[in-house]
Structures are given as C-alpha cells and as structure tokens.
N, C-alpha and C. Protein backbone atom coordinates (compact mmCIF):
# COMPACT_ATOMS: atom_id res chain seq x y z
N MET A 1 -26.63 -29.32 104.38
CA MET A 1 -27.20 -29.54 105.33
C MET A 1 -28.93 -29.93 105.68
N ASN A 2 -29.50 -30.92 106.65
CA ASN A 2 -30.57 -30.50 106.58
C ASN A 2 -31.62 -30.57 106.42
N ASN A 3 -31.38 -29.58 107.40
CA ASN A 3 -32.30 -28.60 107.50
C ASN A 3 -32.05 -27.06 106.61
N ALA A 4 -33.00 -26.80 105.13
CA ALA A 4 -32.61 -25.26 104.40
C ALA A 4 -32.70 -23.87 105.48
N THR A 5 -33.47 -24.39 106.23
CA THR A 5 -33.73 -23.20 107.33
C THR A 5 -33.15 -22.87 108.54
N GLU A 6 -31.43 -23.72 108.87
CA GLU A 6 -31.08 -23.86 110.10
C GLU A 6 -29.41 -23.60 109.07
N VAL A 7 -28.98 -21.58 110.00
CA VAL A 7 -28.02 -21.32 110.07
C VAL A 7 -27.24 -21.47 110.93
N LYS A 8 -25.90 -21.95 110.94
CA LYS A 8 -24.88 -22.38 111.44
C LYS A 8 -24.05 -20.87 111.88
N LYS A 9 -24.04 -21.08 113.20
CA LYS A 9 -22.86 -19.92 113.60
C LYS A 9 -21.83 -20.16 114.21
N ILE A 10 -20.36 -19.73 113.16
CA ILE A 10 -19.31 -19.93 113.57
C ILE A 10 -19.04 -18.91 113.82
N GLU A 11 -18.09 -19.24 115.64
CA GLU A 11 -17.26 -18.23 115.86
C GLU A 11 -16.02 -18.26 115.94
N ILE A 12 -14.99 -16.96 115.45
CA ILE A 12 -13.67 -17.42 116.13
C ILE A 12 -13.44 -16.20 117.02
N PHE A 13 -11.98 -16.50 118.23
CA PHE A 13 -12.36 -14.87 119.03
C PHE A 13 -10.77 -15.62 118.54
N ASP A 14 -9.98 -13.94 117.91
CA ASP A 14 -8.55 -13.72 117.84
C ASP A 14 -7.62 -13.64 119.13
N PRO A 15 -6.19 -13.92 118.74
CA PRO A 15 -5.61 -13.42 119.48
C PRO A 15 -5.28 -11.81 119.59
N PRO A 16 -4.72 -10.99 120.37
CA PRO A 16 -4.72 -9.46 119.74
C PRO A 16 -4.05 -10.35 118.45
N MET A 17 -3.59 -8.68 117.70
CA MET A 17 -3.16 -8.42 116.38
C MET A 17 -2.82 -6.94 116.09
N CYS A 18 -2.12 -7.49 115.36
CA CYS A 18 -1.44 -5.68 114.84
C CYS A 18 -2.92 -4.59 113.72
N CYS A 19 -3.97 -5.31 113.53
CA CYS A 19 -5.46 -5.41 112.19
C CYS A 19 -6.25 -6.70 112.36
N VAL A 20 -7.27 -6.02 111.94
CA VAL A 20 -8.42 -6.78 112.34
C VAL A 20 -8.34 -8.40 111.73
N SER A 21 -7.90 -8.40 110.47
CA SER A 21 -7.59 -9.89 109.66
C SER A 21 -5.98 -10.56 110.29
N GLY A 22 -5.11 -9.55 110.60
CA GLY A 22 -3.76 -10.39 111.37
C GLY A 22 -3.14 -9.78 109.68
N LEU A 23 -3.80 -10.25 108.56
CA LEU A 23 -2.70 -9.71 107.32
C LEU A 23 -2.28 -7.95 107.32
N CYS A 24 -1.24 -8.61 108.31
CA CYS A 24 -0.12 -6.90 108.37
C CYS A 24 0.35 -6.95 108.79
N GLY A 25 1.65 -5.87 108.82
CA GLY A 25 2.71 -6.06 108.81
C GLY A 25 3.80 -6.74 108.02
N PRO A 26 4.88 -6.99 108.38
CA PRO A 26 6.17 -7.66 108.13
C PRO A 26 6.22 -9.44 107.84
N ASP A 27 5.66 -9.79 108.50
CA ASP A 27 6.00 -11.25 108.94
C ASP A 27 4.31 -11.59 108.91
N ILE A 28 3.56 -11.71 107.69
CA ILE A 28 2.31 -12.40 108.09
C ILE A 28 2.47 -13.81 108.20
N ASP A 29 1.46 -14.61 109.35
CA ASP A 29 1.48 -15.76 109.63
C ASP A 29 0.56 -16.47 108.68
N PRO A 30 1.20 -17.38 107.85
CA PRO A 30 0.16 -18.46 107.13
C PRO A 30 -0.97 -19.07 107.73
N ALA A 31 -0.94 -19.43 108.96
CA ALA A 31 -2.63 -19.65 108.86
C ALA A 31 -3.99 -18.62 109.39
N LEU A 32 -3.11 -17.07 109.51
CA LEU A 32 -3.99 -16.38 109.36
C LEU A 32 -4.68 -15.90 107.92
N LEU A 33 -3.90 -16.42 106.91
CA LEU A 33 -4.13 -16.75 105.40
C LEU A 33 -5.09 -17.42 105.02
N ASP A 34 -4.67 -18.74 105.63
CA ASP A 34 -5.60 -20.02 105.66
C ASP A 34 -6.78 -19.64 106.06
N ILE A 35 -7.22 -19.34 107.24
CA ILE A 35 -8.01 -18.49 107.81
C ILE A 35 -9.27 -18.20 106.88
N ASN A 36 -8.89 -16.61 106.56
CA ASN A 36 -9.24 -15.89 106.01
C ASN A 36 -9.36 -16.43 104.84
N GLU A 37 -8.90 -16.93 103.98
CA GLU A 37 -9.52 -17.56 102.66
C GLU A 37 -10.40 -18.66 102.58
N ALA A 38 -10.19 -19.69 103.73
CA ALA A 38 -10.86 -20.10 104.43
C ALA A 38 -12.68 -19.51 104.51
N ILE A 39 -12.82 -18.64 105.29
CA ILE A 39 -13.85 -17.88 105.30
C ILE A 39 -14.23 -17.27 104.36
N LEU A 40 -13.40 -16.72 103.17
CA LEU A 40 -13.87 -16.14 101.96
C LEU A 40 -15.02 -17.14 101.46
N LYS A 41 -14.11 -18.24 101.17
CA LYS A 41 -14.55 -19.41 100.59
C LYS A 41 -16.18 -19.88 101.02
N ILE A 42 -15.93 -20.09 102.38
CA ILE A 42 -17.85 -20.88 102.55
C ILE A 42 -18.54 -19.78 102.38
N LYS A 43 -18.41 -18.37 103.26
CA LYS A 43 -19.63 -17.60 103.39
C LYS A 43 -20.06 -17.47 101.01
N LYS A 44 -18.69 -17.56 100.50
CA LYS A 44 -19.35 -17.78 98.60
C LYS A 44 -20.11 -18.79 98.89
N GLU A 45 -19.92 -20.04 99.60
CA GLU A 45 -19.82 -21.89 98.82
C GLU A 45 -21.54 -21.26 99.19
N PHE A 46 -21.83 -21.09 100.96
CA PHE A 46 -22.95 -20.94 101.43
C PHE A 46 -24.00 -19.95 101.43
N ASP A 47 -23.32 -18.47 100.91
CA ASP A 47 -24.50 -17.95 100.62
C ASP A 47 -25.75 -16.99 101.70
N GLY A 48 -24.99 -17.10 103.17
CA GLY A 48 -26.28 -16.84 104.00
C GLY A 48 -26.30 -17.81 104.69
N GLN A 49 -26.23 -19.13 104.59
CA GLN A 49 -26.33 -20.99 105.14
C GLN A 49 -25.20 -19.92 106.07
N VAL A 50 -24.48 -19.97 106.75
CA VAL A 50 -23.71 -20.00 107.52
C VAL A 50 -22.91 -18.98 107.62
N GLN A 51 -22.78 -18.81 109.53
CA GLN A 51 -22.15 -17.18 110.03
C GLN A 51 -21.01 -17.28 109.85
N ILE A 52 -20.22 -16.74 109.98
CA ILE A 52 -18.87 -16.78 110.45
C ILE A 52 -18.40 -15.75 110.93
N GLU A 53 -18.03 -14.87 111.86
CA GLU A 53 -17.51 -14.22 112.62
C GLU A 53 -16.00 -13.92 113.68
N ARG A 54 -15.25 -13.47 113.35
CA ARG A 54 -13.80 -13.16 113.82
C ARG A 54 -13.97 -11.75 114.69
N TYR A 55 -13.99 -12.41 115.73
CA TYR A 55 -13.85 -11.56 116.58
C TYR A 55 -12.25 -11.11 117.45
N LEU A 56 -11.68 -9.88 117.39
CA LEU A 56 -10.31 -9.30 117.87
C LEU A 56 -10.38 -9.09 119.58
N LEU A 57 -9.53 -9.58 119.98
CA LEU A 57 -9.32 -9.45 121.47
C LEU A 57 -9.02 -8.04 122.13
N SER A 58 -8.27 -7.44 121.15
CA SER A 58 -8.12 -5.71 121.46
C SER A 58 -8.99 -4.74 120.90
N GLN A 59 -9.82 -4.94 119.90
CA GLN A 59 -10.85 -4.24 119.35
C GLN A 59 -12.54 -5.07 119.80
N GLN A 60 -12.49 -6.04 120.44
CA GLN A 60 -14.01 -6.23 120.30
C GLN A 60 -14.14 -6.69 121.91
N GLY A 61 -13.30 -6.69 122.76
CA GLY A 61 -13.43 -6.95 124.20
C GLY A 61 -14.55 -7.56 124.71
N PRO A 62 -15.65 -6.84 124.43
CA PRO A 62 -17.14 -6.86 124.93
C PRO A 62 -17.77 -8.25 124.35
N LYS A 63 -17.33 -8.82 123.24
CA LYS A 63 -17.98 -9.94 122.51
C LYS A 63 -17.02 -11.32 123.36
N PHE A 64 -16.05 -11.29 123.88
CA PHE A 64 -15.58 -11.80 124.87
C PHE A 64 -16.37 -12.29 126.14
N MET A 65 -16.53 -11.33 126.38
CA MET A 65 -17.70 -11.07 127.98
C MET A 65 -18.27 -12.06 128.05
N GLN A 66 -19.21 -11.67 126.75
CA GLN A 66 -20.78 -12.05 126.59
C GLN A 66 -20.45 -13.52 126.11
N GLN A 67 -18.96 -14.30 125.98
CA GLN A 67 -19.38 -15.88 126.02
C GLN A 67 -18.29 -16.18 127.16
N PRO A 68 -19.16 -17.07 128.32
CA PRO A 68 -18.96 -17.17 129.17
C PRO A 68 -17.55 -18.57 128.76
N GLU A 69 -18.09 -18.84 127.54
CA GLU A 69 -16.87 -20.74 127.50
C GLU A 69 -15.48 -19.84 127.00
N VAL A 70 -15.49 -19.13 126.48
CA VAL A 70 -14.43 -17.93 125.99
C VAL A 70 -13.78 -17.43 127.08
N MET A 71 -14.19 -16.68 127.97
CA MET A 71 -13.84 -16.14 129.30
C MET A 71 -12.95 -17.47 129.92
N LYS A 72 -14.19 -18.40 130.78
CA LYS A 72 -13.92 -19.05 131.30
C LYS A 72 -12.03 -19.93 130.75
N ARG A 73 -12.16 -20.25 129.49
CA ARG A 73 -10.43 -20.76 129.09
C ARG A 73 -9.93 -19.32 129.40
N LEU A 74 -10.16 -18.14 128.59
CA LEU A 74 -9.41 -16.87 129.37
C LEU A 74 -8.48 -16.72 130.28
N GLN A 75 -9.47 -17.03 131.13
CA GLN A 75 -9.34 -16.00 132.73
C GLN A 75 -8.67 -17.75 133.35
N THR A 76 -8.24 -18.96 132.75
CA THR A 76 -7.26 -20.21 133.13
C THR A 76 -6.35 -20.73 132.84
N ASN A 77 -6.45 -20.56 130.67
CA ASN A 77 -5.33 -20.21 130.52
C ASN A 77 -4.44 -19.13 130.02
N GLY A 78 -4.56 -17.96 129.55
CA GLY A 78 -4.25 -16.29 129.55
C GLY A 78 -4.58 -17.01 127.21
N VAL A 79 -4.09 -15.85 126.95
CA VAL A 79 -4.34 -15.58 125.58
C VAL A 79 -3.81 -17.10 124.79
N GLU A 80 -2.51 -17.65 125.33
CA GLU A 80 -2.41 -18.59 124.74
C GLU A 80 -3.52 -19.67 124.60
N ILE A 81 -4.47 -20.00 124.69
CA ILE A 81 -5.73 -20.69 124.30
C ILE A 81 -6.27 -20.00 122.81
N LEU A 82 -6.45 -18.41 122.77
CA LEU A 82 -6.36 -18.38 121.35
C LEU A 82 -5.71 -18.73 119.63
N PRO A 83 -6.37 -18.69 118.97
CA PRO A 83 -8.09 -18.74 119.40
C PRO A 83 -8.74 -19.57 119.38
N VAL A 84 -9.56 -19.44 119.97
CA VAL A 84 -10.97 -20.20 120.01
C VAL A 84 -12.11 -20.06 119.43
N THR A 85 -12.28 -21.58 118.72
CA THR A 85 -13.96 -21.52 117.49
C THR A 85 -15.04 -21.65 118.36
N LEU A 86 -15.51 -21.23 117.88
CA LEU A 86 -17.13 -21.63 118.76
C LEU A 86 -18.15 -22.09 116.96
N VAL A 87 -18.94 -23.14 117.45
CA VAL A 87 -19.73 -23.69 116.23
C VAL A 87 -21.37 -23.71 117.56
N ASN A 88 -22.19 -22.45 117.06
CA ASN A 88 -23.70 -22.46 117.13
C ASN A 88 -23.36 -22.15 119.08
N GLY A 89 -22.12 -21.38 119.30
CA GLY A 89 -21.99 -21.35 121.08
C GLY A 89 -21.37 -22.62 121.93
N LYS A 90 -21.04 -23.69 120.78
CA LYS A 90 -20.21 -24.27 121.71
C LYS A 90 -18.85 -24.70 121.36
N VAL A 91 -17.41 -24.53 121.74
CA VAL A 91 -16.53 -24.20 122.48
C VAL A 91 -15.81 -25.92 121.06
N VAL A 92 -15.22 -25.74 119.79
CA VAL A 92 -14.82 -26.65 119.01
C VAL A 92 -13.46 -27.23 118.64
N LYS A 93 -13.14 -26.01 119.28
CA LYS A 93 -11.23 -26.23 119.11
C LYS A 93 -11.00 -24.13 119.61
N GLU A 94 -9.54 -25.29 120.27
CA GLU A 94 -8.69 -24.42 120.95
C GLU A 94 -7.32 -24.11 119.85
N ARG A 95 -6.69 -22.90 120.07
CA ARG A 95 -5.37 -22.99 120.37
C ARG A 95 -4.76 -23.06 118.73
N GLU A 96 -5.47 -23.46 117.51
CA GLU A 96 -5.14 -23.33 116.84
C GLU A 96 -6.40 -23.04 115.71
N TYR A 97 -6.29 -22.52 114.72
CA TYR A 97 -7.25 -22.15 113.74
C TYR A 97 -8.13 -23.69 112.98
N PRO A 98 -8.80 -22.95 113.10
CA PRO A 98 -9.54 -24.60 111.72
C PRO A 98 -9.57 -24.72 110.21
N GLY A 99 -8.96 -25.68 109.48
CA GLY A 99 -8.92 -25.64 107.90
C GLY A 99 -10.56 -25.31 107.81
N TYR A 100 -9.66 -24.93 106.54
CA TYR A 100 -11.00 -25.02 105.84
C TYR A 100 -12.12 -26.57 105.96
N GLU A 101 -11.56 -27.88 105.55
CA GLU A 101 -12.03 -29.28 106.29
C GLU A 101 -12.17 -29.39 107.45
N GLU A 102 -11.85 -28.93 108.56
CA GLU A 102 -12.97 -28.94 109.77
C GLU A 102 -14.18 -28.21 109.53
N LEU A 103 -14.02 -27.07 108.71
CA LEU A 103 -14.57 -25.90 108.87
C LEU A 103 -16.28 -26.28 108.31
N MET A 104 -15.49 -27.11 107.60
CA MET A 104 -16.60 -27.77 106.25
C MET A 104 -17.70 -28.90 107.20
N LYS A 105 -16.50 -29.89 108.11
CA LYS A 105 -17.72 -30.88 109.22
C LYS A 105 -18.27 -30.00 110.07
N TYR A 106 -17.48 -29.14 110.72
CA TYR A 106 -18.48 -28.95 112.09
C TYR A 106 -19.84 -28.13 110.91
N ILE A 107 -20.00 -27.58 109.86
CA ILE A 107 -20.71 -26.97 109.75
C ILE A 107 -21.91 -28.34 109.19
N LYS A 108 -21.03 -29.60 108.98
CA LYS A 108 -22.49 -30.04 108.14
C LYS A 108 -22.55 -31.15 109.45
N GLU A 109 -21.83 -31.10 110.41
CA GLU A 109 -22.97 -32.20 111.61
C GLU A 109 -23.91 -31.01 112.13
N LYS A 110 -24.68 -31.96 112.72
CA LYS A 110 -25.71 -31.51 113.01
C LYS A 110 -25.62 -31.06 114.44
N SER A 111 -26.54 -29.99 114.46
CA SER A 111 -26.32 -29.33 116.18
C SER A 111 -26.11 -29.92 117.12
C-alpha cells in the first residue's frame, strides 16, 4: 500500500444464513468457505492494515440500515442482491462474494 497509515475497510453484507459464518448445517456453500478463508488469510497478511467485517442481515440489521447504498439496493432488488461488498463505503460487488485475488485488488487500489 502506498500510505502505510491508510487502513482499507472492506465490509461484506451477507444474506440471511443459519449462523454468523454460514459454515453450518449439512450443506455448506463452497463460496462461504472460500470467503471465510480469504478473510482469515488477508487479516493475517495485513495485520491491522486492512479491516474486514461481515454483517449478517438477520443478526445485524442496524448495520444494513446505516449503509444507504446497501439499503437502496435491498429496497430495489430484495435480498437476492446480497452479498454486497463495500470498500471504504463504496459498493464494489453484488450478488456474489469476492475471491481472495479480488480482495487483494481492492486493497491495493487507491481510494
């Protein structure tokens, strides 16, 4: 990253799931495994330089309401629009989770 003091904030707004990570139940979605692994890897690699949070609609509804871009998309498209990924408050992806390489691209881009 160009500026060592700049902390990127990545937020992922998840669809309703049975548990916080979605890694529960008999049929685990491979996309949830991938995003979970990617987040853990990035948190380890960047050690505080990148803040990544996931919010679950059914458990953290207020976080959705605090984000106008996410609310607008939900009102227009319904929960099918989820997951929605934001980088520093800007929507960068909808309807599917970013992969590790995409997350790295978001981190390396200038804000």
